C-alpha atoms as a PDB file:
ATOM      1  CA  MET A   1      82.580 122.441  22.244  1.00  0.00           C
ATOM      2  CA  PHE A   2      82.558 123.094  25.950  1.00  0.00           C
ATOM      3  CA  THR A   3      85.596 122.462  28.073  1.00  0.00           C
ATOM      4  CA  SER A   4      84.787 121.297  31.583  1.00  0.00           C
ATOM      5  CA  LYS A   5      86.728 122.818  34.416  1.00  0.00           C
ATOM      6  CA  LYS A   6      87.367 120.631  37.411  1.00  0.00           C
ATOM      7  CA  GLY A   7      87.760 121.835  40.997  1.00  0.00           C
ATOM      8  CA  PHE A   8      85.934 123.628  43.786  1.00  0.00           C
ATOM      9  CA  THR A   9      84.803 127.192  43.844  1.00  0.00           C
ATOM     10  CA  LEU A  10      85.959 129.587  46.518  1.00  0.00           C
ATOM     11  CA  ILE A  11      82.455 129.638  48.038  1.00  0.00           C
ATOM     12  CA  GLU A  12      82.389 125.842  48.363  1.00  0.00           C
ATOM     13  CA  LEU A  13      85.757 125.855  50.116  1.00  0.00           C
ATOM     14  CA  LEU A  14      84.671 128.627  52.495  1.00  0.00           C
ATOM     15  CA  VAL A  15      81.491 126.724  53.424  1.00  0.00           C
ATOM     16  CA  VAL A  16      83.528 123.599  54.231  1.00  0.00           C
ATOM     17  CA  VAL A  17      85.968 125.601  56.378  1.00  0.00           C
ATOM     18  CA  LEU A  18      83.038 127.265  58.164  1.00  0.00           C
ATOM     19  CA  ILE A  19      81.413 123.898  58.922  1.00  0.00           C
ATOM     20  CA  ILE A  20      84.695 122.500  60.268  1.00  0.00           C
ATOM     21  CA  GLY A  21      85.114 125.598  62.451  1.00  0.00           C
ATOM     22  CA  ILE A  22      81.618 125.223  63.917  1.00  0.00           C
ATOM     23  CA  LEU A  23      82.175 121.534  64.676  1.00  0.00           C
ATOM     24  CA  ALA A  24      85.529 122.301  66.311  1.00  0.00           C
ATOM     25  CA  SER A  25      84.022 125.042  68.491  1.00  0.00           C
ATOM     26  CA  ILE A  26      81.556 122.495  69.849  1.00  0.00           C
ATOM     27  CA  ALA A  27      83.953 119.551  70.190  1.00  0.00           C
ATOM     28  CA  ILE A  28      87.011 121.193  71.792  1.00  0.00           C
ATOM     29  CA  PRO A  29      85.321 122.314  75.062  1.00  0.00           C
ATOM     30  CA  GLN A  30      83.757 118.865  75.406  1.00  0.00           C
ATOM     31  CA  TYR A  31      87.181 117.303  74.914  1.00  0.00           C
ATOM     32  CA  PHE A  32      88.677 119.397  77.752  1.00  0.00           C
ATOM     33  CA  LYS A  33      85.753 118.444  79.993  1.00  0.00           C
ATOM     34  CA  VAL A  34      86.242 114.724  79.355  1.00  0.00           C
ATOM     35  CA  VAL A  35      90.000 114.966  79.940  1.00  0.00           C
ATOM     36  CA  GLU A  36      89.535 116.853  83.220  1.00  0.00           C
ATOM     37  CA  LYS A  37      86.863 114.388  84.396  1.00  0.00           C
ATOM     38  CA  ALA A  38      89.369 111.590  83.820  1.00  0.00           C
ATOM     39  CA  ARG A  39      91.895 113.464  85.950  1.00  0.00           C
ATOM     40  CA  VAL A  40      89.318 113.909  88.717  1.00  0.00           C
ATOM     41  CA  ALA A  41      89.256 110.109  88.938  1.00  0.00           C
ATOM     42  CA  GLU A  42      92.790 110.358  90.382  1.00  0.00           C
ATOM     43  CA  ALA A  43      91.541 112.723  93.102  1.00  0.00           C
ATOM     44  CA  MET A  44      88.608 110.454  93.888  1.00  0.00           C
ATOM     45  CA  SER A  45      91.003 107.528  94.244  1.00  0.00           C
ATOM     46  CA  ILE A  46      93.117 109.492  96.756  1.00  0.00           C
ATOM     47  CA  ILE A  47      90.017 110.537  98.698  1.00  0.00           C
ATOM     48  CA  SER A  48      88.653 106.995  98.802  1.00  0.00           C
ATOM     49  CA  SER A  49      91.986 105.559  99.901  1.00  0.00           C
ATOM     50  CA  VAL A  50      92.442 108.114 102.697  1.00  0.00           C
ATOM     51  CA  LYS A  51      88.818 107.770 103.871  1.00  0.00           C
ATOM     52  CA  SER A  52      89.219 104.013 104.242  1.00  0.00           C
ATOM     53  CA  ALA A  53      92.592 104.339 105.985  1.00  0.00           C
ATOM     54  CA  GLU A  54      91.210 107.013 108.350  1.00  0.00           C
ATOM     55  CA  GLU A  55      88.282 104.750 109.268  1.00  0.00           C
ATOM     56  CA  ARG A  56      90.707 101.927 110.095  1.00  0.00           C
ATOM     57  CA  PHE A  57      92.808 104.381 112.151  1.00  0.00           C
ATOM     58  CA  LEU A  58      89.663 105.533 113.998  1.00  0.00           C
ATOM     59  CA  ALA A  59      88.703 101.921 114.736  1.00  0.00           C
ATOM     60  CA  LYS A  60      92.122 101.285 116.303  1.00  0.00           C
ATOM     61  CA  GLY A  61      92.624 104.506 118.258  1.00  0.00           C
ATOM     62  CA  GLY A  62      89.276 106.267 118.590  1.00  0.00           C
ATOM     63  CA  VAL A  63      90.430 109.402 116.723  1.00  0.00           C
ATOM     64  CA  TYR A  64      91.311 110.459 113.185  1.00  0.00           C
ATOM     65  CA  THR A  65      94.844 111.594 112.365  1.00  0.00           C
ATOM     66  CA  SER A  66      96.255 114.584 110.496  1.00  0.00           C
ATOM     67  CA  ASP A  67      99.545 112.749 109.934  1.00  0.00           C
ATOM     68  CA  LEU A  68      99.202 110.852 106.659  1.00  0.00           C
ATOM     69  CA  THR A  69     102.265 108.722 107.450  1.00  0.00           C
ATOM     70  CA  GLU A  70     100.385 107.170 110.396  1.00  0.00           C
ATOM     71  CA  LEU A  71      97.855 105.680 107.974  1.00  0.00           C
ATOM     72  CA  ASP A  72      98.317 102.243 106.430  1.00  0.00           C
ATOM     73  CA  ILE A  73      98.608 103.623 102.890  1.00  0.00           C
ATOM     74  CA  SER A  74     101.627 104.566 100.816  1.00  0.00           C
ATOM     75  CA  TYR A  75     102.082 106.982  97.930  1.00  0.00           C
ATOM     76  CA  ALA A  76     105.320 108.030  96.270  1.00  0.00           C
ATOM     77  CA  ASN A  77     106.743 111.186  97.921  1.00  0.00           C
ATOM     78  CA  MET A  78     104.003 111.163 100.581  1.00  0.00           C
ATOM     79  CA  THR A  79     104.739 113.297 103.636  1.00  0.00           C
ATOM     80  CA  ALA A  80     102.923 113.743 106.933  1.00  0.00           C
ATOM     81  CA  SER A  81     100.855 116.592 105.486  1.00  0.00           C
ATOM     82  CA  ASN A  82     100.641 115.970 101.723  1.00  0.00           C
ATOM     83  CA  ILE A  83      99.999 113.278  99.143  1.00  0.00           C
ATOM     84  CA  PRO A  84     101.435 114.583  95.852  1.00  0.00           C
ATOM     85  CA  THR A  85     100.281 112.863  92.681  1.00  0.00           C
ATOM     86  CA  LYS A  86     100.555 113.678  88.996  1.00  0.00           C
ATOM     87  CA  PHE A  87      97.626 116.120  88.902  1.00  0.00           C
ATOM     88  CA  PHE A  88      96.622 116.677  92.556  1.00  0.00           C
ATOM     89  CA  GLY A  89      97.987 117.181  96.035  1.00  0.00           C
ATOM     90  CA  GLY A  90      95.963 116.284  99.123  1.00  0.00           C
ATOM     91  CA  GLY A  91      96.102 116.916 102.832  1.00  0.00           C
ATOM     92  CA  VAL A  92      94.060 116.108 105.940  1.00  0.00           C
ATOM     93  CA  VAL A  93      93.083 118.111 108.999  1.00  0.00           C
ATOM     94  CA  ALA A  94      91.661 116.038 111.878  1.00  0.00           C
ATOM     95  CA  GLY A  95      89.656 117.355 114.780  1.00  0.00           C
ATOM     96  CA  THR A  96      86.460 117.029 116.762  1.00  0.00           C
ATOM     97  CA  CYS A  97      83.111 118.093 115.360  1.00  0.00           C
ATOM     98  CA  THR A  98      79.794 118.339 117.189  1.00  0.00           C
ATOM     99  CA  SER A  99      79.101 114.767 116.100  1.00  0.00           C
ATOM    100  CA  GLY A 100      82.435 113.483 117.486  1.00  0.00           C
ATOM    101  CA  PRO A 101      85.783 112.789 115.792  1.00  0.00           C
ATOM    102  CA  CYS A 102      86.011 114.097 112.229  1.00  0.00           C
ATOM    103  CA  PHE A 103      88.503 115.010 109.525  1.00  0.00           C
ATOM    104  CA  VAL A 104      88.521 117.284 106.503  1.00  0.00           C
ATOM    105  CA  MET A 105      90.468 116.286 103.409  1.00  0.00           C
ATOM    106  CA  THR A 106      91.222 118.798 100.684  1.00  0.00           C
ATOM    107  CA  VAL A 107      92.613 117.753  97.317  1.00  0.00           C
ATOM    108  CA  THR A 108      93.872 120.583  95.084  1.00  0.00           C
ATOM    109  CA  ARG A 109      94.559 120.437  91.342  1.00  0.00           C
ATOM    110  CA  HIS A 110      98.027 121.576  90.334  1.00  0.00           C
ATOM    111  CA  ALA A 111      99.688 122.163  86.990  1.00  0.00           C
ATOM    112  CA  ASN A 112     102.667 119.834  87.015  1.00  0.00           C
ATOM    113  CA  ASN A 113     103.910 119.527  83.415  1.00  0.00           C
ATOM    114  CA  SER A 114     100.343 119.815  82.191  1.00  0.00           C
ATOM    115  CA  SER A 115      97.931 122.590  81.513  1.00  0.00           C
ATOM    116  CA  VAL A 116      94.622 123.161  83.234  1.00  0.00           C
ATOM    117  CA  ALA A 117      91.734 124.507  81.193  1.00  0.00           C
ATOM    118  CA  ALA A 118      90.953 128.103  82.145  1.00  0.00           C
ATOM    119  CA  ARG A 119      87.333 126.991  82.502  1.00  0.00           C
ATOM    120  CA  TYR A 120      88.306 125.218  85.741  1.00  0.00           C
ATOM    121  CA  GLY A 121      91.543 126.734  87.018  1.00  0.00           C
ATOM    122  CA  LEU A 122      93.416 125.133  89.926  1.00  0.00           C
ATOM    123  CA  TYR A 123      90.302 123.925  91.743  1.00  0.00           C
ATOM    124  CA  SER A 124      89.984 122.063  95.053  1.00  0.00           C
ATOM    125  CA  LEU A 125      87.805 119.170  96.173  1.00  0.00           C
ATOM    126  CA  ASN A 126      86.797 118.812  99.812  1.00  0.00           C
ATOM    127  CA  VAL A 127      85.322 116.032 101.954  1.00  0.00           C
ATOM    128  CA  ASN A 128      84.329 116.320 105.629  1.00  0.00           C
ATOM    129  CA  VAL A 129      83.936 112.916 107.330  1.00  0.00           C
ATOM    130  CA  PRO A 130      81.512 112.042 108.887  1.00  0.00           C
ATOM    131  CA  ASP A 131      79.536 115.315 108.672  1.00  0.00           C
ATOM    132  CA  ARG A 132      79.577 115.672 104.862  1.00  0.00           C
ATOM    133  CA  ALA A 133      81.117 112.534 103.421  1.00  0.00           C
ATOM    134  CA  ASP A 134      80.310 113.355  99.788  1.00  0.00           C
ATOM    135  CA  VAL A 135      82.910 115.194  97.725  1.00  0.00           C
ATOM    136  CA  GLN A 136      82.272 118.924  97.257  1.00  0.00           C
ATOM    137  CA  ILE A 137      83.957 121.671  95.267  1.00  0.00           C
ATOM    138  CA  ALA A 138      85.980 123.708  97.774  1.00  0.00           C
ATOM    139  CA  GLY A 139      87.272 126.298  95.335  1.00  0.00           C
ATOM    140  CA  CYS A 140      86.957 126.852  91.594  1.00  0.00           C
ATOM    141  CA  PRO A 141      88.789 129.885  90.157  1.00  0.00           C
ATOM    142  CA  GLY A 142      87.134 129.319  86.776  1.00  0.00           C
ATOM    143  CA  GLY A 143      83.621 129.519  88.284  1.00  0.00           C
ATOM    144  CA  GLY A 144      81.838 127.184  90.705  1.00  0.00           C
ATOM    145  CA  THR A 145      79.330 125.839  88.193  1.00  0.00           C
ATOM    146  CA  ASN A 146      82.137 124.908  85.814  1.00  0.00           C
ATOM    147  CA  CYS A 147      83.836 122.632  88.350  1.00  0.00           C
ATOM    148  CA  THR A 148      80.560 121.110  89.529  1.00  0.00           C
ATOM    149  CA  GLU A 149      80.212 119.404  86.145  1.00  0.00           C
ATOM    150  CA  LEU A 150      83.390 117.440  86.901  1.00  0.00           C
ATOM    151  CA  LEU A 151      81.690 115.596  89.770  1.00  0.00           C
ATOM    152  CA  GLN A 152      78.598 114.579  87.790  1.00  0.00           C
END
């Protein structure tokens, strides 16, 4: 009479481990991309808030301001030159462009009790109002095309 042995062979176990490894190598980079895109939403919120406040300031005084405390917005620990948040810090430089009054806002990613994927590094986002009012990548240590995917 035959005795049946129960269990998996070593080959079957290796195939399962290999399949799990392949799936993980595909899923983990996508996970980091989704997490970083969610963090970019914080930067976009800062940019939108400052753009609106700067437009109101321009309507009242005819110029933009570099002093963030002169704007009608409030963030915790905000100073005249910086808006620090959990994942970003932003500042504004106001001036006069060929088209008239303008300002440039730069928001830079920082690692404050969190890690930043090496794919992106501590990148910066930039907006120049009114000349280039859409958000652009100002600097991406991990490679410019890597950070561009965060704005799509």
